[in-house]
Amino acid sequence: MTLLTDQLTVESVPAYLLARPHLAGPVDPASIVSVVEVGDGNLNLVFIVKDAAGNGVVVKQSLPHVRVDPSWPLTRERAAREAVVLGVHEKIDPAHVPAFHGFDAENLALSIEDLSDHAVWRGELIAGRLHPYAAAELGRYVGAVGFATSVFGTPGPERRRRIAEATNPELSEITEDLVFTEPYVDHEHNGWLPANEEDVRELRADRAFVREMGLAKQRFQESTQSLMHGDLHTGSVFVRAEGASVRAFDSEFGTYGPTGFDLGAVWANLVIAAARAHVLGRSADAETLLRLPVELVDAFEAEFRSRWPERVDPRVYGDEVLEHTLAQVRSDAAAYAAAKAVRRIVGFSKVADIQTLPEPERAVAARLVLRAARTLGTARLEDADPRVLTERTVALLG
């Protein structure tokens, strides 16, 4: 099989799958009737392929650069790492990720389940459709993979091999820069409205908060607690009200790291969605969204606890260790929520929840997000209970 000399196109995908039927999933590669390129992110080409019987499959190929900036190169090997993460997560919790049909290592393309009957959660939130069940479902997902890929769920030698297999240095460095560093220094990636100038100045002058972000970065760099999704924001989650179906996709930033990072990413995006709802006058929706992190963390802990009797080495991992671990994850989740929220307001790759607002409302929403982030980042040191922290963020709505 020869290496593709060009990136996949709408025109070339049918022949590509015909030559590689193992990647076609439920699609008959001899009867493909439509190919649509739907990638709206920064890093990949994404094609939805349908055959004459209406069966679908998604083919995703990594680009050699950031889509909106061809001068910013990226390793295409990230597709192989996504294949590792998705393959592991599907075995642990197939209900919360797309079915994984296969990976073409030569052309760095994945074949996954077509979830066209779902909608991206961010778009639904922007439209005012909350899908509140999604928070608990994602908590169960993080609980399942967080336990199974931790020292409690995987024997030591096997786990060390898996950590090496899933190492993701280039994309992890992007996270370290964009989430933990750039928002707190002068950098070309940053930007905000003039009305938020004072908010950003206050954020950067809050030394206690900046210290916590530094410690959160250190933990992100040093921890191999579990195999994270790595980018679990509302734009990487499909939802469908029928059956309360929730699927996490686009795990190319996945690697072993602190379990609370994925929880924090969801939490941050719920805060962002709440800020949008608030400035648009949907105060009840805003409060609902700000309270969903409690359901997220509760569901995570319930799933983790349910698996605790299965731990591979109970000799010194007693219940006190479980309680300590869950307390650490709670605290981490709040810290990473703070970091992820700030990044979306100050740093690179802003979100449509905020950017599509009229400028006066956008400034107010951004201010709310930054204040919530500062609260989460430091108040957790007094009490990391999501219920307590939620009351603190709800109070910011006035």
Protein backbone atom coordinates (compact mmCIF):
# COMPACT_ATOMS: atom_id res chain seq x y z
CA MET A 1 0.00 0.00 0.00
CA THR A 2 1.48 3.34 -0.99
CA LEU A 3 1.52 6.46 1.10
CA LEU A 4 -0.88 9.17 -0.01
CA THR A 5 1.05 12.02 -1.62
CA ASP A 6 -1.75 14.48 -0.84
CA GLN A 7 -4.19 15.01 1.95
CA LEU A 8 -7.56 13.34 1.58
CA THR A 9 -10.24 15.25 -0.29
CA VAL A 10 -13.96 14.80 -0.83
CA GLU A 11 -13.09 13.40 -4.24
CA SER A 12 -10.40 10.96 -3.09
CA VAL A 13 -12.12 9.46 -0.03
CA PRO A 14 -14.26 6.88 -1.95
CA ALA A 15 -11.22 5.37 -3.65
CA TYR A 16 -9.29 5.53 -0.39
CA LEU A 17 -11.91 3.43 1.43
CA LEU A 18 -12.40 1.08 -1.50
CA ALA A 19 -8.70 0.24 -1.23
CA ARG A 20 -8.95 -0.10 2.56
CA PRO A 21 -12.27 -1.81 3.31
CA HIS A 22 -11.17 -2.55 6.88
CA LEU A 23 -11.62 1.19 7.57
CA ALA A 24 -15.12 1.42 6.10
CA GLY A 25 -16.95 0.24 9.21
CA PRO A 26 -20.63 -0.33 8.32
CA VAL A 27 -20.26 1.46 4.97
CA ASP A 28 -20.12 -0.49 1.71
CA PRO A 29 -17.09 1.14 0.03
CA ALA A 30 -18.36 0.07 -3.37
CA SER A 31 -21.57 2.06 -3.00
CA ILE A 32 -20.52 5.38 -1.48
CA VAL A 33 -22.97 8.10 -2.49
CA SER A 34 -21.78 11.12 -0.50
CA VAL A 35 -18.70 12.52 1.19
CA VAL A 36 -18.90 15.76 3.15
CA GLU A 37 -15.95 17.51 4.82
CA VAL A 38 -17.16 18.87 8.17
CA GLY A 39 -13.98 19.63 10.10
CA ASP A 40 -14.46 22.90 11.93
CA GLY A 41 -11.54 22.60 14.32
CA ASN A 42 -7.94 23.69 13.96
CA LEU A 43 -6.12 20.43 13.42
CA ASN A 44 -7.84 17.91 11.14
CA LEU A 45 -9.76 17.03 8.03
CA VAL A 46 -13.02 15.26 8.92
CA PHE A 47 -15.20 13.50 6.36
CA ILE A 48 -18.66 12.00 6.83
CA VAL A 49 -19.10 9.19 4.32
CA LYS A 50 -22.47 7.63 3.44
CA ASP A 51 -23.32 4.63 1.28
CA ALA A 52 -26.46 3.87 -0.73
CA ALA A 53 -28.07 2.11 2.23
CA GLY A 54 -27.64 5.17 4.43
CA ASN A 55 -24.83 3.73 6.54
CA GLY A 56 -22.16 6.18 7.63
CA VAL A 57 -18.59 6.35 8.80
CA VAL A 58 -16.29 9.22 9.73
CA VAL A 59 -12.75 9.43 8.37
CA LYS A 60 -10.44 11.83 10.18
CA GLN A 61 -6.98 12.74 8.91
CA SER A 62 -4.49 14.91 10.76
CA LEU A 63 -3.15 18.03 9.08
CA PRO A 64 0.57 18.89 9.20
CA HIS A 65 -0.22 22.37 10.53
CA VAL A 66 -2.84 24.38 12.38
CA ARG A 67 -5.74 24.77 9.97
CA VAL A 68 -6.11 28.53 10.46
CA ASP A 69 -2.35 29.12 10.47
CA PRO A 70 -0.30 26.99 8.02
CA SER A 71 2.89 28.53 9.43
CA TRP A 72 2.27 26.71 12.74
CA PRO A 73 3.47 23.13 12.16
CA LEU A 74 2.11 20.18 14.12
CA THR A 75 3.21 16.58 14.39
CA ARG A 76 0.89 14.36 12.38
CA GLU A 77 1.74 11.50 14.72
CA ARG A 78 -0.96 12.85 17.01
CA ALA A 79 -3.41 10.73 15.01
CA ALA A 80 -1.62 7.61 16.23
CA ARG A 81 -1.92 8.84 19.81
CA GLU A 82 -5.61 9.54 19.37
CA ALA A 83 -6.01 6.00 18.08
CA VAL A 84 -4.36 4.71 21.25
CA VAL A 85 -6.57 6.81 23.55
CA LEU A 86 -9.79 6.03 21.70
CA GLY A 87 -8.98 2.33 21.54
CA VAL A 88 -8.34 2.14 25.29
CA HIS A 89 -11.34 4.27 26.24
CA GLU A 90 -13.67 2.29 23.99
CA LYS A 91 -12.70 -0.96 25.71
CA ILE A 92 -13.38 0.57 29.13
CA ASP A 93 -16.50 2.63 28.41
CA PRO A 94 -17.91 2.12 24.89
CA ALA A 95 -21.12 3.97 25.78
CA HIS A 96 -19.35 7.33 25.99
CA VAL A 97 -17.02 7.39 22.96
CA PRO A 98 -17.53 6.76 19.23
CA ALA A 99 -16.98 3.22 18.00
CA PHE A 100 -13.43 2.89 16.71
CA HIS A 101 -13.27 1.10 13.34
CA GLY A 102 -9.55 1.35 12.62
CA PHE A 103 -6.40 3.38 12.10
CA ASP A 104 -4.27 3.79 8.96
CA ALA A 105 -0.76 4.40 10.28
CA GLU A 106 0.65 5.12 6.80
CA ASN A 107 -1.76 7.94 6.05
CA LEU A 108 -2.47 8.95 9.65
CA ALA A 109 -6.23 8.59 9.33
CA LEU A 110 -8.78 7.20 11.78
CA SER A 111 -12.11 5.61 10.99
CA ILE A 112 -14.79 6.09 13.64
CA GLU A 113 -18.53 5.87 14.17
CA ASP A 114 -20.76 8.35 12.36
CA LEU A 115 -22.69 10.22 15.03
CA SER A 116 -24.65 12.47 12.69
CA ASP A 117 -27.77 11.79 14.76
CA HIS A 118 -26.10 13.66 17.63
CA ALA A 119 -25.27 17.36 17.98
CA VAL A 120 -22.17 19.08 19.36
CA TRP A 121 -22.95 20.12 22.91
CA ARG A 122 -21.44 23.61 22.53
CA GLY A 123 -23.74 24.41 19.64
CA GLU A 124 -26.72 23.17 21.60
CA LEU A 125 -25.77 25.28 24.62
CA ILE A 126 -25.40 28.36 22.45
CA ALA A 127 -28.88 27.70 21.08
CA GLY A 128 -30.28 27.46 24.60
CA ARG A 129 -30.74 23.69 24.66
CA LEU A 130 -28.91 22.60 27.80
CA HIS A 131 -28.91 18.77 27.77
CA PRO A 132 -28.19 18.80 31.51
CA TYR A 133 -27.90 15.00 31.66
CA ALA A 134 -24.59 15.30 29.80
CA ALA A 135 -22.67 16.46 32.88
CA ALA A 136 -23.34 13.29 34.85
CA GLU A 137 -22.68 11.10 31.81
CA LEU A 138 -19.28 12.71 31.34
CA GLY A 139 -18.58 12.25 35.04
CA ARG A 140 -19.25 8.54 34.65
CA TYR A 141 -16.96 8.44 31.61
CA VAL A 142 -14.07 10.12 33.44
CA GLY A 143 -14.69 7.91 36.47
CA ALA A 144 -14.56 4.73 34.39
CA VAL A 145 -11.39 5.53 32.46
CA GLY A 146 -9.86 7.37 35.40
CA PHE A 147 -10.06 4.26 37.56
CA ALA A 148 -9.28 1.65 34.90
CA THR A 149 -6.11 3.37 33.68
CA SER A 150 -4.85 4.36 37.14
CA VAL A 151 -2.61 2.38 39.47
CA PHE A 152 -5.82 0.99 40.96
CA GLY A 153 -7.08 -0.45 37.69
CA THR A 154 -3.98 -1.57 35.79
CA PRO A 155 -1.03 -3.67 37.08
CA GLY A 156 2.25 -1.80 37.33
CA PRO A 157 4.34 -3.27 34.47
CA GLU A 158 1.46 -3.14 32.01
CA ARG A 159 0.63 0.39 33.05
CA ARG A 160 4.18 1.60 32.55
CA ARG A 161 4.14 0.23 29.01
CA ARG A 162 0.83 1.96 28.33
CA ILE A 163 2.13 5.27 29.64
CA ALA A 164 5.01 5.06 27.17
CA GLU A 165 2.64 4.14 24.35
CA ALA A 166 0.38 7.12 25.02
CA THR A 167 3.03 9.79 25.55
CA ASN A 168 2.06 12.89 23.60
CA PRO A 169 4.89 15.42 24.01
CA GLU A 170 4.06 17.91 21.28
CA LEU A 171 0.38 18.34 22.06
CA SER A 172 1.01 18.26 25.80
CA GLU A 173 3.39 21.18 25.32
CA ILE A 174 0.64 23.06 23.47
CA THR A 175 -1.61 22.55 26.49
CA GLU A 176 1.12 23.65 28.87
CA ASP A 177 1.68 26.84 26.87
CA LEU A 178 -1.88 27.79 25.94
CA VAL A 179 -3.63 26.81 29.17
CA PHE A 180 -1.08 27.47 31.90
CA THR A 181 1.45 30.02 30.66
CA GLU A 182 0.50 32.36 27.83
CA PRO A 183 -2.56 33.96 29.49
CA TYR A 184 -0.32 35.28 32.29
CA VAL A 185 2.38 36.86 30.10
CA ASP A 186 2.51 39.12 27.07
CA HIS A 187 2.03 36.87 24.06
CA GLU A 188 0.79 37.28 20.49
CA HIS A 189 -1.86 34.61 21.02
CA ASN A 190 -3.63 36.67 23.68
CA GLY A 191 -6.42 39.14 23.12
CA TRP A 192 -9.41 40.68 24.86
CA LEU A 193 -11.82 43.57 24.57
CA PRO A 194 -10.72 47.00 25.82
CA ALA A 195 -13.56 46.81 28.35
CA ASN A 196 -11.82 43.78 29.91
CA GLU A 197 -8.39 45.38 30.19
CA GLU A 198 -8.77 45.97 33.92
CA ASP A 199 -10.11 42.44 34.44
CA VAL A 200 -7.00 40.94 32.85
CA ARG A 201 -4.75 43.28 34.81
CA GLU A 202 -6.40 42.20 38.06
CA LEU A 203 -6.13 38.53 37.08
CA ARG A 204 -2.41 38.77 36.44
CA ALA A 205 -1.86 40.78 39.62
CA ASP A 206 -3.58 38.09 41.73
CA ARG A 207 -0.41 36.38 42.86
CA ALA A 208 -2.21 33.70 44.85
CA PHE A 209 -4.17 32.71 41.77
CA VAL A 210 -1.17 32.78 39.44
CA ARG A 211 0.72 30.62 41.96
CA GLU A 212 -2.08 28.06 41.85
CA MET A 213 -1.95 28.03 38.06
CA GLY A 214 1.79 27.41 38.25
CA LEU A 215 1.24 24.51 40.63
CA ALA A 216 -1.52 23.17 38.38
CA LYS A 217 0.89 23.26 35.45
CA GLN A 218 3.52 21.45 37.49
CA ARG A 219 1.05 18.71 38.37
CA PHE A 220 -0.05 18.46 34.74
CA GLN A 221 3.56 18.00 33.66
CA GLU A 222 4.49 15.51 36.38
CA SER A 223 1.39 13.37 36.84
CA THR A 224 0.55 10.12 35.05
CA GLN A 225 -2.53 9.45 37.14
CA SER A 226 -4.78 8.21 34.32
CA LEU A 227 -5.23 8.23 30.55
CA MET A 228 -7.05 11.51 29.97
CA HIS A 229 -9.13 12.57 27.01
CA GLY A 230 -7.03 15.71 27.21
CA ASP A 231 -9.42 18.22 25.60
CA LEU A 232 -12.85 17.50 27.05
CA HIS A 233 -14.65 20.77 26.31
CA THR A 234 -18.26 21.09 25.13
CA GLY A 235 -17.07 21.28 21.53
CA SER A 236 -15.64 17.76 21.89
CA VAL A 237 -18.86 16.20 23.14
CA PHE A 238 -21.79 14.90 21.11
CA VAL A 239 -25.22 14.83 22.75
CA ARG A 240 -28.58 13.37 21.79
CA ALA A 241 -31.66 13.83 23.95
CA GLU A 242 -33.11 10.50 22.84
CA GLY A 243 -31.60 7.96 25.18
CA ALA A 244 -29.57 10.71 26.90
CA SER A 245 -26.64 9.73 24.70
CA VAL A 246 -23.30 11.47 25.31
CA ARG A 247 -20.10 10.74 23.39
CA ALA A 248 -16.68 12.33 23.87
CA PHE A 249 -14.65 12.66 20.67
CA ASP A 250 -11.43 14.30 19.40
CA SER A 251 -9.10 12.84 22.02
CA GLU A 252 -5.89 13.67 20.13
CA PHE A 253 -4.59 15.65 23.13
CA GLY A 254 -4.96 12.52 25.24
CA THR A 255 -2.10 11.32 27.39
CA TYR A 256 -1.54 10.14 30.94
CA GLY A 257 -2.05 13.05 33.32
CA PRO A 258 -4.08 14.24 36.31
CA THR A 259 -7.62 12.83 36.27
CA GLY A 260 -9.05 16.14 37.40
CA PHE A 261 -7.95 17.81 34.18
CA ASP A 262 -10.81 16.34 32.15
CA LEU A 263 -13.35 17.19 34.86
CA GLY A 264 -11.99 20.71 35.00
CA ALA A 265 -12.31 21.15 31.24
CA VAL A 266 -16.01 20.31 31.39
CA TRP A 267 -16.49 22.51 34.45
CA ALA A 268 -14.83 25.50 32.75
CA ASN A 269 -17.04 25.23 29.71
CA LEU A 270 -20.16 25.04 31.85
CA VAL A 271 -19.07 28.29 33.51
CA ILE A 272 -18.58 29.83 30.08
CA ALA A 273 -22.00 28.66 28.90
CA ALA A 274 -23.53 30.03 32.10
CA ALA A 275 -21.94 33.43 31.54
CA ARG A 276 -23.48 33.55 28.07
CA ALA A 277 -26.90 32.60 29.37
CA HIS A 278 -26.68 35.21 32.13
CA VAL A 279 -25.89 38.17 29.87
CA LEU A 280 -28.69 37.10 27.50
CA GLY A 281 -31.19 37.29 30.34
CA ARG A 282 -31.58 33.52 30.80
CA SER A 283 -30.84 33.62 34.52
CA ALA A 284 -32.45 30.26 35.32
CA ASP A 285 -30.36 28.54 32.63
CA ALA A 286 -27.23 30.25 33.96
CA GLU A 287 -27.83 28.94 37.47
CA THR A 288 -28.62 25.45 36.16
CA LEU A 289 -25.36 25.38 34.21
CA LEU A 290 -23.31 26.61 37.16
CA ARG A 291 -24.73 23.78 39.28
CA LEU A 292 -24.00 21.01 36.78
CA PRO A 293 -20.36 20.60 37.93
CA VAL A 294 -21.79 19.13 41.14
CA GLU A 295 -23.51 16.42 39.07
CA LEU A 296 -20.34 15.98 37.02
CA VAL A 297 -18.10 15.36 40.05
CA ASP A 298 -20.71 13.35 41.94
CA ALA A 299 -21.12 10.98 38.99
CA PHE A 300 -17.34 10.69 38.65
CA GLU A 301 -16.95 9.78 42.30
CA ALA A 302 -19.85 7.31 42.22
CA GLU A 303 -18.33 5.51 39.22
CA PHE A 304 -14.85 5.49 40.77
CA ARG A 305 -16.20 4.17 44.07
CA SER A 306 -18.21 1.46 42.32
CA ARG A 307 -14.99 0.12 40.78
CA TRP A 308 -12.92 0.36 43.97
CA PRO A 309 -13.53 -3.27 45.03
CA GLU A 310 -11.89 -4.33 41.73
CA ARG A 311 -8.57 -2.59 42.49
CA VAL A 312 -5.62 -4.68 41.41
CA ASP A 313 -3.65 -4.33 44.65
CA PRO A 314 -5.72 -3.87 47.82
CA ARG A 315 -2.80 -4.58 50.15
CA VAL A 316 -2.01 -0.96 50.98
CA TYR A 317 -4.68 0.74 48.89
CA GLY A 318 -7.30 0.87 51.61
CA ASP A 319 -10.37 3.08 51.80
CA GLU A 320 -8.33 5.95 53.25
CA VAL A 321 -6.35 6.01 50.02
CA LEU A 322 -9.58 6.16 48.05
CA GLU A 323 -10.82 9.15 50.05
CA HIS A 324 -7.48 10.94 49.69
CA THR A 325 -7.46 10.30 45.94
CA LEU A 326 -10.99 11.62 45.43
CA ALA A 327 -10.25 14.71 47.51
CA GLN A 328 -7.18 15.42 45.37
CA VAL A 329 -9.18 15.00 42.16
CA ARG A 330 -11.86 17.39 43.45
CA SER A 331 -9.25 20.03 44.15
CA ASP A 332 -7.50 19.43 40.84
CA ALA A 333 -10.79 19.68 38.94
CA ALA A 334 -11.46 23.15 40.32
CA ALA A 335 -7.91 24.31 39.57
CA TYR A 336 -8.06 23.03 36.00
CA ALA A 337 -11.50 24.54 35.53
CA ALA A 338 -9.98 27.88 36.46
CA ALA A 339 -7.07 27.43 34.06
CA LYS A 340 -9.23 26.31 31.16
CA ALA A 341 -11.72 29.13 31.69
CA VAL A 342 -9.02 31.82 31.69
CA ARG A 343 -7.42 30.40 28.58
CA ARG A 344 -10.70 30.74 26.62
CA ILE A 345 -11.10 34.39 27.59
CA VAL A 346 -7.53 35.70 27.54
CA GLY A 347 -5.58 33.27 25.41
CA PHE A 348 -5.68 31.48 22.09
CA SER A 349 -8.65 29.60 20.58
CA LYS A 350 -11.59 31.45 22.04
CA VAL A 351 -15.07 29.95 22.09
CA ALA A 352 -18.25 30.77 20.19
CA ASP A 353 -20.25 30.95 23.43
CA ILE A 354 -18.53 34.27 24.14
CA GLN A 355 -17.34 35.42 20.72
CA THR A 356 -20.80 35.41 19.13
CA LEU A 357 -22.20 37.81 21.74
CA PRO A 358 -22.60 41.53 20.96
CA GLU A 359 -19.57 43.38 22.26
CA PRO A 360 -21.16 44.91 25.41
CA GLU A 361 -22.54 41.54 26.51
CA ARG A 362 -19.30 39.82 25.53
CA ALA A 363 -17.34 42.06 27.90
CA VAL A 364 -19.69 41.33 30.80
CA ALA A 365 -19.63 37.58 30.11
CA ALA A 366 -15.83 37.56 29.92
CA ARG A 367 -15.64 39.40 33.23
CA LEU A 368 -17.93 36.84 34.86
CA VAL A 369 -15.82 33.96 33.58
CA LEU A 370 -12.59 35.49 34.84
CA ARG A 371 -14.08 36.19 38.27
CA ALA A 372 -15.43 32.65 38.48
CA ALA A 373 -12.03 31.29 37.49
CA ARG A 374 -10.26 33.25 40.20
CA THR A 375 -12.80 32.02 42.73
CA LEU A 376 -12.38 28.38 41.72
CA GLY A 377 -8.60 28.61 41.61
CA THR A 378 -8.16 29.87 45.16
CA ALA A 379 -11.36 29.14 47.13
CA ARG A 380 -10.76 25.42 46.61
CA LEU A 381 -7.84 25.73 49.03
CA GLU A 382 -10.37 26.39 51.81
CA ASP A 383 -12.95 23.84 50.63
CA ALA A 384 -12.84 21.94 47.34
CA ASP A 385 -16.36 20.56 47.69
CA PRO A 386 -18.05 21.34 44.34
CA ARG A 387 -21.22 22.30 46.22
CA VAL A 388 -19.39 24.98 48.17
CA LEU A 389 -17.55 26.24 45.10
CA THR A 390 -20.77 26.27 43.10
CA GLU A 391 -22.44 28.52 45.65
CA ARG A 392 -19.47 30.88 45.34
CA THR A 393 -19.77 31.04 41.55
CA VAL A 394 -23.56 31.36 41.60
CA ALA A 395 -23.16 34.34 43.93
CA LEU A 396 -21.18 36.12 41.21
CA LEU A 397 -24.35 36.36 39.12
CA GLY A 398 -25.67 38.85 41.64
